[in-house]
Protein backbone atom coordinates (compact mmCIF):
# COMPACT_ATOMS: atom_id res chain seq x y z
CA UNK A 1 -3.19 -10.27 -21.12
CA UNK A 2 -4.47 -13.28 -19.30
CA UNK A 3 -2.13 -12.44 -16.43
CA UNK A 4 0.99 -12.67 -18.58
CA UNK A 5 1.43 -9.20 -20.06
CA UNK A 6 0.41 -5.67 -19.19
CA UNK A 7 -1.98 -3.69 -21.37
CA UNK A 8 0.35 -1.04 -22.76
CA UNK A 9 -1.03 2.16 -24.34
CA UNK A 10 -0.43 0.93 -27.89
CA UNK A 11 -2.20 -2.34 -27.15
CA UNK A 12 -5.05 -0.43 -25.50
CA UNK A 13 -5.47 1.70 -28.64
CA UNK A 14 -5.51 -1.37 -30.87
CA UNK A 15 -8.00 -3.22 -28.67
CA UNK A 16 -10.21 -0.13 -28.68
CA UNK A 17 -10.22 0.03 -32.48
CA UNK A 18 -10.97 -3.66 -32.89
CA UNK A 19 -13.58 -3.95 -30.13
CA UNK A 20 -15.27 -0.55 -30.44
CA UNK A 21 -14.25 0.71 -27.01
CA UNK A 22 -11.82 3.41 -25.92
CA UNK A 23 -8.14 3.14 -25.02
CA UNK A 24 -9.04 4.66 -21.63
CA UNK A 25 -11.29 1.64 -20.91
CA UNK A 26 -8.36 -0.75 -21.32
CA UNK A 27 -5.94 1.48 -19.41
CA UNK A 28 -8.44 1.72 -16.55
CA UNK A 29 -8.69 -2.06 -16.47
CA UNK A 30 -4.89 -2.29 -16.23
CA UNK A 31 -4.83 0.33 -13.45
CA UNK A 32 -7.50 -1.59 -11.52
CA UNK A 33 -5.48 -4.79 -11.87
CA UNK A 34 -2.31 -3.02 -10.72
CA UNK A 35 -4.18 -1.70 -7.67
CA UNK A 36 -5.49 -5.17 -6.85
CA UNK A 37 -2.01 -6.71 -7.25
CA UNK A 38 -0.50 -4.25 -4.78
CA UNK A 39 -3.35 -4.73 -2.30
CA UNK A 40 -2.50 -8.44 -2.26
CA UNK A 41 1.26 -7.83 -1.87
CA UNK A 42 1.32 -5.01 0.67
CA UNK A 43 -0.32 -6.46 3.81
CA UNK A 44 2.86 -8.31 4.81
CA UNK A 45 5.21 -5.44 3.98
CA UNK A 46 6.70 -3.21 6.65
CA UNK A 47 8.87 -0.17 5.95
CA UNK A 48 12.52 -0.31 6.95
CA UNK A 49 12.37 3.37 7.97
CA UNK A 50 9.70 5.95 8.65
CA UNK A 51 9.93 9.71 8.33
CA UNK A 52 8.21 12.55 10.16
CA UNK A 53 5.82 14.64 8.09
CA UNK A 54 7.46 17.73 6.58
CA UNK A 55 7.39 20.87 8.70
CA UNK A 56 6.93 24.32 7.16
CA UNK A 57 10.18 26.22 6.75
CA UNK A 58 10.73 28.93 9.35
CA UNK A 59 10.72 31.66 6.68
CA UNK A 60 7.36 30.49 5.24
CA UNK A 61 5.42 31.89 8.21
CA UNK A 62 7.20 35.24 8.04
CA UNK A 63 6.47 35.84 4.34
CA UNK A 64 3.69 38.46 4.03
CA UNK A 65 0.71 37.56 1.86
CA UNK A 66 0.36 39.70 -1.26
């Protein structure tokens, strides 16, 4: 709230009852704020390691489709 606390599910339910909205409305607002926060933080971040995409296991190709 006001940048100091997260909107937790219980708080979202209470706000919904008092203000005639839904808990989902308040949870979506929190998710949007979380997404914005990370978009501000991540531009300067670089991973310490990278990994190749997973390759299919050799026995996956040999398994007949049923």
